[in-house]
Amino acid sequence: GTSGVLLAARTRDAWALLREQFRTRQVGKRYVALVDGV
């Protein structure tokens, strides 16, 4: 149900390096949400 930026690698080396960034929390992830209440 979520829309927005989704990232894929074109090579196995790039995939491994990017996965490591996610694992070690080096990736900045920003979202916008419309939520209930004030």
Full PDB file with SEQRES, HELIX, SHEET, SSBOND, CRYST1, ORIGX, SCALE, CONECT and MASTER records, all heavy atoms in Angstrom:
SEQRES   1 A   38  GLY THR SER GLY VAL LEU LEU ALA ALA ARG THR ARG ASP          
SEQRES   2 A   38  ALA TRP ALA LEU LEU ARG GLU GLN PHE ARG THR ARG GLN          
SEQRES   3 A   38  VAL GLY LYS ARG TYR VAL ALA LEU VAL ASP GLY VAL              
HELIX    1 AA1 ARG A   12  ARG A   23  1                                  12    
CRYST1    1.000    1.000    1.000  90.00  90.00  90.00 P 1           1          
ORIGX1      1.000000  0.000000  0.000000        0.00000                         
ORIGX2      0.000000  1.000000  0.000000        0.00000                         
ORIGX3      0.000000  0.000000  1.000000        0.00000                         
SCALE1      1.000000  0.000000  0.000000        0.00000                         
SCALE2      0.000000  1.000000  0.000000        0.00000                         
SCALE3      0.000000  0.000000  1.000000        0.00000                         
ATOM      1  N   GLY A   1       0.784  -1.227   0.000  1.00  0.00           N  
ATOM      2  CA  GLY A   1       0.000   0.000   0.000  1.00  0.00           C  
ATOM      3  C   GLY A   1       0.813   1.271   0.000  1.00  0.00           C  
ATOM      4  O   GLY A   1       0.287   2.363  -0.265  1.00  0.00           O  
ATOM      5  N   THR A   2       2.099   1.182   0.312  1.00  0.00           N  
ATOM      6  CA  THR A   2       2.973   2.362   0.387  1.00  0.00           C  
ATOM      7  C   THR A   2       3.519   2.701  -0.985  1.00  0.00           C  
ATOM      8  O   THR A   2       3.913   1.818  -1.752  1.00  0.00           O  
ATOM      9  CB  THR A   2       4.139   2.099   1.360  1.00  0.00           C  
ATOM     10  OG1 THR A   2       3.618   1.737   2.631  1.00  0.00           O  
ATOM     11  CG2 THR A   2       5.013   3.331   1.514  1.00  0.00           C  
ATOM     12  N   SER A   3       3.567   3.985  -1.297  1.00  0.00           N  
ATOM     13  CA  SER A   3       4.143   4.442  -2.561  1.00  0.00           C  
ATOM     14  C   SER A   3       5.497   5.098  -2.311  1.00  0.00           C  
ATOM     15  O   SER A   3       5.889   5.337  -1.172  1.00  0.00           O  
ATOM     16  CB  SER A   3       3.190   5.443  -3.233  1.00  0.00           C  
ATOM     17  OG  SER A   3       2.868   6.514  -2.345  1.00  0.00           O  
ATOM     18  N   GLY A   4       6.212   5.403  -3.406  1.00  0.00           N  
ATOM     19  CA  GLY A   4       7.434   6.182  -3.272  1.00  0.00           C  
ATOM     20  C   GLY A   4       8.701   5.486  -3.720  1.00  0.00           C  
ATOM     21  O   GLY A   4       8.677   4.511  -4.473  1.00  0.00           O  
ATOM     22  N   VAL A   5       9.843   6.000  -3.243  1.00  0.00           N  
ATOM     23  CA  VAL A   5      11.167   5.594  -3.729  1.00  0.00           C  
ATOM     24  C   VAL A   5      11.482   4.155  -3.339  1.00  0.00           C  
ATOM     25  O   VAL A   5      11.438   3.791  -2.165  1.00  0.00           O  
ATOM     26  CB  VAL A   5      12.267   6.516  -3.170  1.00  0.00           C  
ATOM     27  CG1 VAL A   5      13.624   6.124  -3.767  1.00  0.00           C  
ATOM     28  CG2 VAL A   5      11.963   7.979  -3.455  1.00  0.00           C  
ATOM     29  N   LEU A   6      11.826   3.360  -4.352  1.00  0.00           N  
ATOM     30  CA  LEU A   6      12.222   1.971  -4.136  1.00  0.00           C  
ATOM     31  C   LEU A   6      13.481   1.728  -4.967  1.00  0.00           C  
ATOM     32  O   LEU A   6      13.527   2.080  -6.152  1.00  0.00           O  
ATOM     33  CB  LEU A   6      11.103   1.025  -4.560  1.00  0.00           C  
ATOM     34  CG  LEU A   6      11.214  -0.440  -4.158  1.00  0.00           C  
ATOM     35  CD1 LEU A   6      11.327  -0.600  -2.642  1.00  0.00           C  
ATOM     36  CD2 LEU A   6       9.995  -1.217  -4.661  1.00  0.00           C  
ATOM     37  N   LEU A   7      14.488   1.122  -4.354  1.00  0.00           N  
ATOM     38  CA  LEU A   7      15.815   1.042  -4.964  1.00  0.00           C  
ATOM     39  C   LEU A   7      16.185  -0.388  -5.327  1.00  0.00           C  
ATOM     40  O   LEU A   7      15.978  -1.320  -4.539  1.00  0.00           O  
ATOM     41  CB  LEU A   7      16.852   1.608  -3.983  1.00  0.00           C  
ATOM     42  CG  LEU A   7      18.292   1.753  -4.473  1.00  0.00           C  
ATOM     43  CD1 LEU A   7      18.377   2.766  -5.613  1.00  0.00           C  
ATOM     44  CD2 LEU A   7      19.194   2.174  -3.319  1.00  0.00           C  
ATOM     45  N   ALA A   8      16.771  -0.562  -6.512  1.00  0.00           N  
ATOM     46  CA  ALA A   8      17.251  -1.865  -6.967  1.00  0.00           C  
ATOM     47  C   ALA A   8      18.667  -1.736  -7.502  1.00  0.00           C  
ATOM     48  O   ALA A   8      19.066  -0.673  -8.007  1.00  0.00           O  
ATOM     49  CB  ALA A   8      16.329  -2.423  -8.061  1.00  0.00           C  
ATOM     50  N   ALA A   9      19.433  -2.810  -7.388  1.00  0.00           N  
ATOM     51  CA  ALA A   9      20.798  -2.853  -7.915  1.00  0.00           C  
ATOM     52  C   ALA A   9      20.809  -3.547  -9.270  1.00  0.00           C  
ATOM     53  O   ALA A   9      20.003  -4.436  -9.543  1.00  0.00           O  
ATOM     54  CB  ALA A   9      21.712  -3.577  -6.941  1.00  0.00           C  
ATOM     55  N   ARG A  10      21.778  -3.152 -10.105  1.00  0.00           N  
ATOM     56  CA  ARG A  10      21.918  -3.788 -11.414  1.00  0.00           C  
ATOM     57  C   ARG A  10      23.050  -4.818 -11.429  1.00  0.00           C  
ATOM     58  O   ARG A  10      23.165  -5.592 -12.378  1.00  0.00           O  
ATOM     59  CB  ARG A  10      22.194  -2.728 -12.484  1.00  0.00           C  
ATOM     60  CG  ARG A  10      21.108  -1.703 -12.626  1.00  0.00           C  
ATOM     61  CD  ARG A  10      21.429  -0.701 -13.725  1.00  0.00           C  
ATOM     62  NE  ARG A  10      20.720  -1.002 -14.946  1.00  0.00           N  
ATOM     63  CZ  ARG A  10      20.155  -0.091 -15.735  1.00  0.00           C  
ATOM     64  NH1 ARG A  10      20.214   1.187 -15.411  1.00  0.00           N  
ATOM     65  NH2 ARG A  10      19.546  -0.441 -16.841  1.00  0.00           N  
ATOM     66  N   THR A  11      23.894  -4.804 -10.389  1.00  0.00           N  
ATOM     67  CA  THR A  11      24.987  -5.766 -10.298  1.00  0.00           C  
ATOM     68  C   THR A  11      24.985  -6.388  -8.903  1.00  0.00           C  
ATOM     69  O   THR A  11      24.488  -5.790  -7.945  1.00  0.00           O  
ATOM     70  CB  THR A  11      26.350  -5.109 -10.542  1.00  0.00           C  
ATOM     71  OG1 THR A  11      26.680  -4.253  -9.433  1.00  0.00           O  
ATOM     72  CG2 THR A  11      26.353  -4.288 -11.829  1.00  0.00           C  
ATOM     73  N   ARG A  12      25.571  -7.570  -8.796  1.00  0.00           N  
ATOM     74  CA  ARG A  12      25.613  -8.237  -7.489  1.00  0.00           C  
ATOM     75  C   ARG A  12      26.498  -7.472  -6.502  1.00  0.00           C  
ATOM     76  O   ARG A  12      26.188  -7.404  -5.315  1.00  0.00           O  
ATOM     77  CB  ARG A  12      26.113  -9.674  -7.653  1.00  0.00           C  
ATOM     78  CG  ARG A  12      26.082 -10.468  -6.367  1.00  0.00           C  
ATOM     79  CD  ARG A  12      26.230 -11.940  -6.623  1.00  0.00           C  
ATOM     80  NE  ARG A  12      25.058 -12.527  -7.241  1.00  0.00           N  
ATOM     81  CZ  ARG A  12      23.981 -12.920  -6.558  1.00  0.00           C  
ATOM     82  NH1 ARG A  12      23.939 -12.800  -5.245  1.00  0.00           N  
ATOM     83  NH2 ARG A  12      22.951 -13.444  -7.179  1.00  0.00           N  
ATOM     84  N   ASP A  13      27.587  -6.878  -6.975  1.00  0.00           N  
ATOM     85  CA  ASP A  13      28.450  -6.100  -6.076  1.00  0.00           C  
ATOM     86  C   ASP A  13      27.705  -4.892  -5.514  1.00  0.00           C  
ATOM     87  O   ASP A  13      27.794  -4.591  -4.323  1.00  0.00           O  
ATOM     88  CB  ASP A  13      29.708  -5.636  -6.810  1.00  0.00           C  
ATOM     89  CG  ASP A  13      30.713  -6.763  -7.032  1.00  0.00           C  
ATOM     90  OD1 ASP A  13      30.563  -7.816  -6.389  1.00  0.00           O  
ATOM     91  OD2 ASP A  13      31.633  -6.577  -7.851  1.00  0.00           O  
ATOM     92  N   ALA A  14      26.975  -4.182  -6.376  1.00  0.00           N  
ATOM     93  CA  ALA A  14      26.208  -3.023  -5.919  1.00  0.00           C  
ATOM     94  C   ALA A  14      25.134  -3.455  -4.929  1.00  0.00           C  
ATOM     95  O   ALA A  14      24.893  -2.778  -3.917  1.00  0.00           O  
ATOM     96  CB  ALA A  14      25.575  -2.309  -7.112  1.00  0.00           C  
ATOM     97  N   TRP A  15      24.490  -4.582  -5.197  1.00  0.00           N  
ATOM     98  CA  TRP A  15      23.454  -5.096  -4.291  1.00  0.00           C  
ATOM     99  C   TRP A  15      24.036  -5.375  -2.912  1.00  0.00           C  
ATOM    100  O   TRP A  15      23.457  -4.993  -1.890  1.00  0.00           O  
ATOM    101  CB  TRP A  15      22.840  -6.362  -4.882  1.00  0.00           C  
ATOM    102  CG  TRP A  15      21.707  -6.941  -4.090  1.00  0.00           C  
ATOM    103  CD1 TRP A  15      20.394  -6.578  -4.143  1.00  0.00           C  
ATOM    104  CD2 TRP A  15      21.786  -8.002  -3.122  1.00  0.00           C  
ATOM    105  NE1 TRP A  15      19.641  -7.350  -3.271  1.00  0.00           N  
ATOM    106  CE2 TRP A  15      20.470  -8.217  -2.638  1.00  0.00           C  
ATOM    107  CE3 TRP A  15      22.819  -8.781  -2.634  1.00  0.00           C  
ATOM    108  CZ2 TRP A  15      20.187  -9.190  -1.680  1.00  0.00           C  
ATOM    109  CZ3 TRP A  15      22.537  -9.744  -1.676  1.00  0.00           C  
ATOM    110  CH2 TRP A  15      21.233  -9.944  -1.208  1.00  0.00           C  
ATOM    111  N   ALA A  16      25.186  -6.035  -2.856  1.00  0.00           N  
ATOM    112  CA  ALA A  16      25.803  -6.372  -1.578  1.00  0.00           C  
ATOM    113  C   ALA A  16      26.193  -5.116  -0.802  1.00  0.00           C  
ATOM    114  O   ALA A  16      25.987  -5.027   0.419  1.00  0.00           O  
ATOM    115  CB  ALA A  16      27.026  -7.258  -1.808  1.00  0.00           C  
ATOM    116  N   LEU A  17      26.757  -4.124  -1.497  1.00  0.00           N  
ATOM    117  CA  LEU A  17      27.166  -2.887  -0.827  1.00  0.00           C  
ATOM    118  C   LEU A  17      25.960  -2.106  -0.314  1.00  0.00           C  
ATOM    119  O   LEU A  17      25.991  -1.551   0.797  1.00  0.00           O  
ATOM    120  CB  LEU A  17      27.987  -2.026  -1.795  1.00  0.00           C  
ATOM    121  CG  LEU A  17      29.388  -2.553  -2.121  1.00  0.00           C  
ATOM    122  CD1 LEU A  17      29.990  -1.784  -3.291  1.00  0.00           C  
ATOM    123  CD2 LEU A  17      30.294  -2.452  -0.893  1.00  0.00           C  
ATOM    124  N   LEU A  18      24.902  -2.044  -1.102  1.00  0.00           N  
ATOM    125  CA  LEU A  18      23.705  -1.323  -0.677  1.00  0.00           C  
ATOM    126  C   LEU A  18      23.007  -2.041   0.476  1.00  0.00           C  
ATOM    127  O   LEU A  18      22.538  -1.405   1.431  1.00  0.00           O  
ATOM    128  CB  LEU A  18      22.755  -1.146  -1.856  1.00  0.00           C  
ATOM    129  CG  LEU A  18      23.238  -0.163  -2.923  1.00  0.00           C  
ATOM    130  CD1 LEU A  18      22.405  -0.291  -4.201  1.00  0.00           C  
ATOM    131  CD2 LEU A  18      23.190   1.274  -2.407  1.00  0.00           C  
ATOM    132  N   ARG A  19      22.940  -3.363   0.399  1.00  0.00           N  
ATOM    133  CA  ARG A  19      22.331  -4.125   1.499  1.00  0.00           C  
ATOM    134  C   ARG A  19      23.090  -3.902   2.805  1.00  0.00           C  
ATOM    135  O   ARG A  19      22.493  -3.815   3.874  1.00  0.00           O  
ATOM    136  CB  ARG A  19      22.317  -5.620   1.147  1.00  0.00           C  
ATOM    137  CG  ARG A  19      21.276  -6.008   0.114  1.00  0.00           C  
ATOM    138  CD  ARG A  19      19.866  -5.875   0.638  1.00  0.00           C  
ATOM    139  NE  ARG A  19      19.654  -6.698   1.823  1.00  0.00           N  
ATOM    140  CZ  ARG A  19      18.733  -6.471   2.743  1.00  0.00           C  
ATOM    141  NH1 ARG A  19      17.952  -5.403   2.650  1.00  0.00           N  
ATOM    142  NH2 ARG A  19      18.587  -7.278   3.770  1.00  0.00           N  
ATOM    143  N   GLU A  20      24.401  -3.789   2.718  1.00  0.00           N  
ATOM    144  CA  GLU A  20      25.199  -3.536   3.912  1.00  0.00           C  
ATOM    145  C   GLU A  20      24.883  -2.161   4.499  1.00  0.00           C  
ATOM    146  O   GLU A  20      24.848  -1.991   5.716  1.00  0.00           O  
ATOM    147  CB  GLU A  20      26.689  -3.640   3.571  1.00  0.00           C  
ATOM    148  CG  GLU A  20      27.632  -3.404   4.739  1.00  0.00           C  
ATOM    149  CD  GLU A  20      27.525  -4.454   5.839  1.00  0.00           C  
ATOM    150  OE1 GLU A  20      26.846  -5.485   5.645  1.00  0.00           O  
ATOM    151  OE2 GLU A  20      28.127  -4.228   6.906  1.00  0.00           O  
ATOM    152  N   GLN A  21      24.639  -1.169   3.649  1.00  0.00           N  
ATOM    153  CA  GLN A  21      24.254   0.155   4.141  1.00  0.00           C  
ATOM    154  C   GLN A  21      22.925   0.100   4.890  1.00  0.00           C  
ATOM    155  O   GLN A  21      22.768   0.751   5.932  1.00  0.00           O  
ATOM    156  CB  GLN A  21      24.165   1.150   2.986  1.00  0.00           C  
ATOM    157  CG  GLN A  21      25.494   1.521   2.367  1.00  0.00           C  
ATOM    158  CD  GLN A  21      25.361   2.565   1.287  1.00  0.00           C  
ATOM    159  OE1 GLN A  21      24.638   3.555   1.437  1.00  0.00           O  
ATOM    160  NE2 GLN A  21      26.044   2.352   0.170  1.00  0.00           N  
ATOM    161  N   PHE A  22      21.985  -0.660   4.377  1.00  0.00           N  
ATOM    162  CA  PHE A  22      20.713  -0.807   5.078  1.00  0.00           C  
ATOM    163  C   PHE A  22      20.912  -1.542   6.396  1.00  0.00           C  
ATOM    164  O   PHE A  22      20.342  -1.157   7.421  1.00  0.00           O  
ATOM    165  CB  PHE A  22      19.698  -1.549   4.205  1.00  0.00           C  
ATOM    166  CG  PHE A  22      18.983  -0.676   3.211  1.00  0.00           C  
ATOM    167  CD1 PHE A  22      19.514  -0.469   1.945  1.00  0.00           C  
ATOM    168  CD2 PHE A  22      17.785  -0.060   3.537  1.00  0.00           C  
ATOM    169  CE1 PHE A  22      18.864   0.337   1.024  1.00  0.00           C  
ATOM    170  CE2 PHE A  22      17.120   0.751   2.631  1.00  0.00           C  
ATOM    171  CZ  PHE A  22      17.664   0.954   1.363  1.00  0.00           C  
ATOM    172  N   ARG A  23      21.737  -2.585   6.373  1.00  0.00           N  
ATOM    173  CA  ARG A  23      21.954  -3.382   7.587  1.00  0.00           C  
ATOM    174  C   ARG A  23      22.608  -2.558   8.685  1.00  0.00           C  
ATOM    175  O   ARG A  23      22.274  -2.698   9.865  1.00  0.00           O  
ATOM    176  CB  ARG A  23      22.822  -4.603   7.268  1.00  0.00           C  
ATOM    177  CG  ARG A  23      22.947  -5.590   8.418  1.00  0.00           C  
ATOM    178  CD  ARG A  23      23.936  -6.685   8.114  1.00  0.00           C  
ATOM    179  NE  ARG A  23      25.310  -6.184   8.113  1.00  0.00           N  
ATOM    180  CZ  ARG A  23      26.027  -5.987   9.216  1.00  0.00           C  
ATOM    181  NH1 ARG A  23      25.511  -6.243  10.412  1.00  0.00           N  
ATOM    182  NH2 ARG A  23      27.257  -5.527   9.137  1.00  0.00           N  
ATOM    183  N   THR A  24      23.534  -1.683   8.306  1.00  0.00           N  
ATOM    184  CA  THR A  24      24.268  -0.888   9.290  1.00  0.00           C  
ATOM    185  C   THR A  24      23.650   0.497   9.518  1.00  0.00           C  
ATOM    186  O   THR A  24      24.274   1.362  10.122  1.00  0.00           O  
ATOM    187  CB  THR A  24      25.740  -0.738   8.871  1.00  0.00           C  
ATOM    188  OG1 THR A  24      25.808  -0.186   7.541  1.00  0.00           O  
ATOM    189  CG2 THR A  24      26.436  -2.096   8.869  1.00  0.00           C  
ATOM    190  N   ARG A  25      22.453   0.707   9.023  1.00  0.00           N  
ATOM    191  CA  ARG A  25      21.671   1.925   9.258  1.00  0.00           C  
ATOM    192  C   ARG A  25      22.370   3.196   8.755  1.00  0.00           C  
ATOM    193  O   ARG A  25      22.353   4.236   9.401  1.00  0.00           O  
ATOM    194  CB  ARG A  25      21.337   2.071  10.751  1.00  0.00           C  
ATOM    195  CG  ARG A  25      20.600   0.863  11.313  1.00  0.00           C  
ATOM    196  CD  ARG A  25      20.294   1.039  12.786  1.00  0.00           C  
ATOM    197  NE  ARG A  25      19.706  -0.193  13.340  1.00  0.00           N  
ATOM    198  CZ  ARG A  25      19.364  -0.343  14.618  1.00  0.00           C  
ATOM    199  NH1 ARG A  25      19.551   0.672  15.464  1.00  0.00           N  
ATOM    200  NH2 ARG A  25      18.856  -1.466  15.030  1.00  0.00           N  
ATOM    201  N   GLN A  26      22.964   3.089   7.580  1.00  0.00           N  
ATOM    202  CA  GLN A  26      23.605   4.244   6.957  1.00  0.00           C  
ATOM    203  C   GLN A  26      22.703   4.937   5.951  1.00  0.00           C  
ATOM    204  O   GLN A  26      23.099   5.931   5.350  1.00  0.00           O  
ATOM    205  CB  GLN A  26      24.887   3.807   6.248  1.00  0.00           C  
ATOM    206  CG  GLN A  26      25.944   3.175   7.129  1.00  0.00           C  
ATOM    207  CD  GLN A  26      27.153   2.755   6.316  1.00  0.00           C  
ATOM    208  OE1 GLN A  26      27.750   3.545   5.586  1.00  0.00           O  
ATOM    209  NE2 GLN A  26      27.512   1.481   6.418  1.00  0.00           N  
ATOM    210  N   VAL A  27      21.504   4.412   5.755  1.00  0.00           N  
ATOM    211  CA  VAL A  27      20.584   4.935   4.738  1.00  0.00           C  
ATOM    212  C   VAL A  27      19.604   5.911   5.381  1.00  0.00           C  
ATOM    213  O   VAL A  27      19.034   5.627   6.437  1.00  0.00           O  
ATOM    214  CB  VAL A  27      19.824   3.782   4.063  1.00  0.00           C  
ATOM    215  CG1 VAL A  27      18.830   4.316   3.035  1.00  0.00           C  
ATOM    216  CG2 VAL A  27      20.809   2.824   3.402  1.00  0.00           C  
ATOM    217  N   GLY A  28      19.401   7.060   4.744  1.00  0.00           N  
ATOM    218  CA  GLY A  28      18.384   8.012   5.198  1.00  0.00           C  
ATOM    219  C   GLY A  28      17.057   7.704   4.541  1.00  0.00           C  
ATOM    220  O   GLY A  28      16.967   7.646   3.308  1.00  0.00           O  
ATOM    221  N   LYS A  29      16.022   7.483   5.361  1.00  0.00           N  
ATOM    222  CA  LYS A  29      14.698   7.119   4.832  1.00  0.00           C  
ATOM    223  C   LYS A  29      13.669   8.104   5.357  1.00  0.00           C  
ATOM    224  O   LYS A  29      13.423   8.179   6.556  1.00  0.00           O  
ATOM    225  CB  LYS A  29      14.343   5.684   5.251  1.00  0.00           C  
ATOM    226  CG  LYS A  29      15.240   4.626   4.615  1.00  0.00           C  
ATOM    227  CD  LYS A  29      14.958   3.235   5.134  1.00  0.00           C  
ATOM    228  CE  LYS A  29      15.635   2.985   6.463  1.00  0.00           C  
ATOM    229  NZ  LYS A  29      15.532   1.582   6.893  1.00  0.00           N  
ATOM    230  N   ARG A  30      13.076   8.850   4.447  1.00  0.00           N  
ATOM    231  CA  ARG A  30      12.098   9.871   4.830  1.00  0.00           C  
ATOM    232  C   ARG A  30      10.751   9.585   4.164  1.00  0.00           C  
ATOM    233  O   ARG A  30      10.687   9.255   2.978  1.00  0.00           O  
ATOM    234  CB  ARG A  30      12.596  11.263   4.437  1.00  0.00           C  
ATOM    235  CG  ARG A  30      11.677  12.396   4.844  1.00  0.00           C  
ATOM    236  CD  ARG A  30      12.383  13.727   4.736  1.00  0.00           C  
ATOM    237  NE  ARG A  30      13.488  13.812   5.701  1.00  0.00           N  
ATOM    238  CZ  ARG A  30      14.218  14.904   5.904  1.00  0.00           C  
ATOM    239  NH1 ARG A  30      13.977  16.000   5.211  1.00  0.00           N  
ATOM    240  NH2 ARG A  30      15.186  14.899   6.789  1.00  0.00           N  
ATOM    241  N   TYR A  31       9.691   9.719   4.958  1.00  0.00           N  
ATOM    242  CA  TYR A  31       8.333   9.443   4.494  1.00  0.00           C  
ATOM    243  C   TYR A  31       7.430  10.623   4.833  1.00  0.00           C  
ATOM    244  O   TYR A  31       7.731  11.431   5.726  1.00  0.00           O  
ATOM    245  CB  TYR A  31       7.759   8.196   5.177  1.00  0.00           C  
ATOM    246  CG  TYR A  31       8.456   6.901   4.867  1.00  0.00           C  
ATOM    247  CD1 TYR A  31       9.703   6.599   5.419  1.00  0.00           C  
ATOM    248  CD2 TYR A  31       7.857   5.953   4.035  1.00  0.00           C  
ATOM    249  CE1 TYR A  31      10.336   5.398   5.145  1.00  0.00           C  
ATOM    250  CE2 TYR A  31       8.490   4.742   3.762  1.00  0.00           C  
ATOM    251  CZ  TYR A  31       9.727   4.476   4.320  1.00  0.00           C  
ATOM    252  OH  TYR A  31      10.356   3.295   4.055  1.00  0.00           O  
ATOM    253  N   VAL A  32       6.299  10.683   4.142  1.00  0.00           N  
ATOM    254  CA  VAL A  32       5.209  11.581   4.528  1.00  0.00           C  
ATOM    255  C   VAL A  32       3.972  10.722   4.713  1.00  0.00           C  
ATOM    256  O   VAL A  32       3.711   9.793   3.929  1.00  0.00           O  
ATOM    257  CB  VAL A  32       4.968  12.668   3.460  1.00  0.00           C  
ATOM    258  CG1 VAL A  32       3.653  13.393   3.716  1.00  0.00           C  
ATOM    259  CG2 VAL A  32       6.119  13.674   3.450  1.00  0.00           C  
ATOM    260  N   ALA A  33       3.225  11.002   5.780  1.00  0.00           N  
ATOM    261  CA  ALA A  33       2.009  10.224   6.070  1.00  0.00           C  
ATOM    262  C   ALA A  33       0.882  11.167   6.437  1.00  0.00           C  
ATOM    263  O   ALA A  33       1.109  12.241   7.021  1.00  0.00           O  
ATOM    264  CB  ALA A  33       2.262   9.249   7.214  1.00  0.00           C  
ATOM    265  N   LEU A  34      -0.320  10.771   6.112  1.00  0.00           N  
ATOM    266  CA  LEU A  34      -1.523  11.462   6.561  1.00  0.00           C  
ATOM    267  C   LEU A  34      -2.141  10.582   7.638  1.00  0.00           C  
ATOM    268  O   LEU A  34      -2.471   9.424   7.382  1.00  0.00           O  
ATOM    269  CB  LEU A  34      -2.490  11.664   5.400  1.00  0.00           C  
ATOM    270  CG  LEU A  34      -3.749  12.498   5.671  1.00  0.00           C  
ATOM    271  CD1 LEU A  34      -3.401  13.879   6.186  1.00  0.00           C  
ATOM    272  CD2 LEU A  34      -4.576  12.615   4.384  1.00  0.00           C  
ATOM    273  N   VAL A  35      -2.235  11.105   8.860  1.00  0.00           N  
ATOM    274  CA  VAL A  35      -2.628  10.275   9.997  1.00  0.00           C  
ATOM    275  C   VAL A  35      -3.883  10.800  10.677  1.00  0.00           C  
ATOM    276  O   VAL A  35      -4.260  11.965  10.533  1.00  0.00           O  
ATOM    277  CB  VAL A  35      -1.483  10.200  11.036  1.00  0.00           C  
ATOM    278  CG1 VAL A  35      -0.229   9.612  10.412  1.00  0.00           C  
ATOM    279  CG2 VAL A  35      -1.178  11.575  11.643  1.00  0.00           C  
ATOM    280  N   ASP A  36      -4.505   9.916  11.409  1.00  0.00           N  
ATOM    281  CA  ASP A  36      -5.677  10.275  12.208  1.00  0.00           C  
ATOM    282  C   ASP A  36      -5.294  11.253  13.313  1.00  0.00           C  
ATOM    283  O   ASP A  36      -4.219  11.156  13.912  1.00  0.00           O  
ATOM    284  CB  ASP A  36      -6.265   9.026  12.878  1.00  0.00           C  
ATOM    285  CG  ASP A  36      -7.276   8.322  11.997  1.00  0.00           C  
ATOM    286  OD1 ASP A  36      -8.053   9.014  11.324  1.00  0.00           O  
ATOM    287  OD2 ASP A  36      -7.284   7.076  11.994  1.00  0.00           O  
ATOM    288  N   GLY A  37      -6.205  12.167  13.613  1.00  0.00           N  
ATOM    289  CA  GLY A  37      -6.034  13.043  14.772  1.00  0.00           C  
ATOM    290  C   GLY A  37      -5.121  14.223  14.514  1.00  0.00           C  
ATOM    291  O   GLY A  37      -4.556  14.389  13.431  1.00  0.00           O  
ATOM    292  N   VAL A  38      -4.967  15.038  15.544  1.00  0.00           N  
ATOM    293  CA  VAL A  38      -4.161  16.253  15.463  1.00  0.00           C  
ATOM    294  C   VAL A  38      -2.809  16.004  16.123  1.00  0.00           C  
ATOM    295  O   VAL A  38      -2.732  15.697  17.314  1.00  0.00           O  
ATOM    296  CB  VAL A  38      -4.863  17.436  16.152  1.00  0.00           C  
ATOM    297  CG1 VAL A  38      -3.987  18.682  16.096  1.00  0.00           C  
ATOM    298  CG2 VAL A  38      -6.211  17.703  15.503  1.00  0.00           C  
TER     299      VAL A  38                                                      
MASTER        0    0    0    1    0    0    0    6  298    1    0    3          
END                                                                             
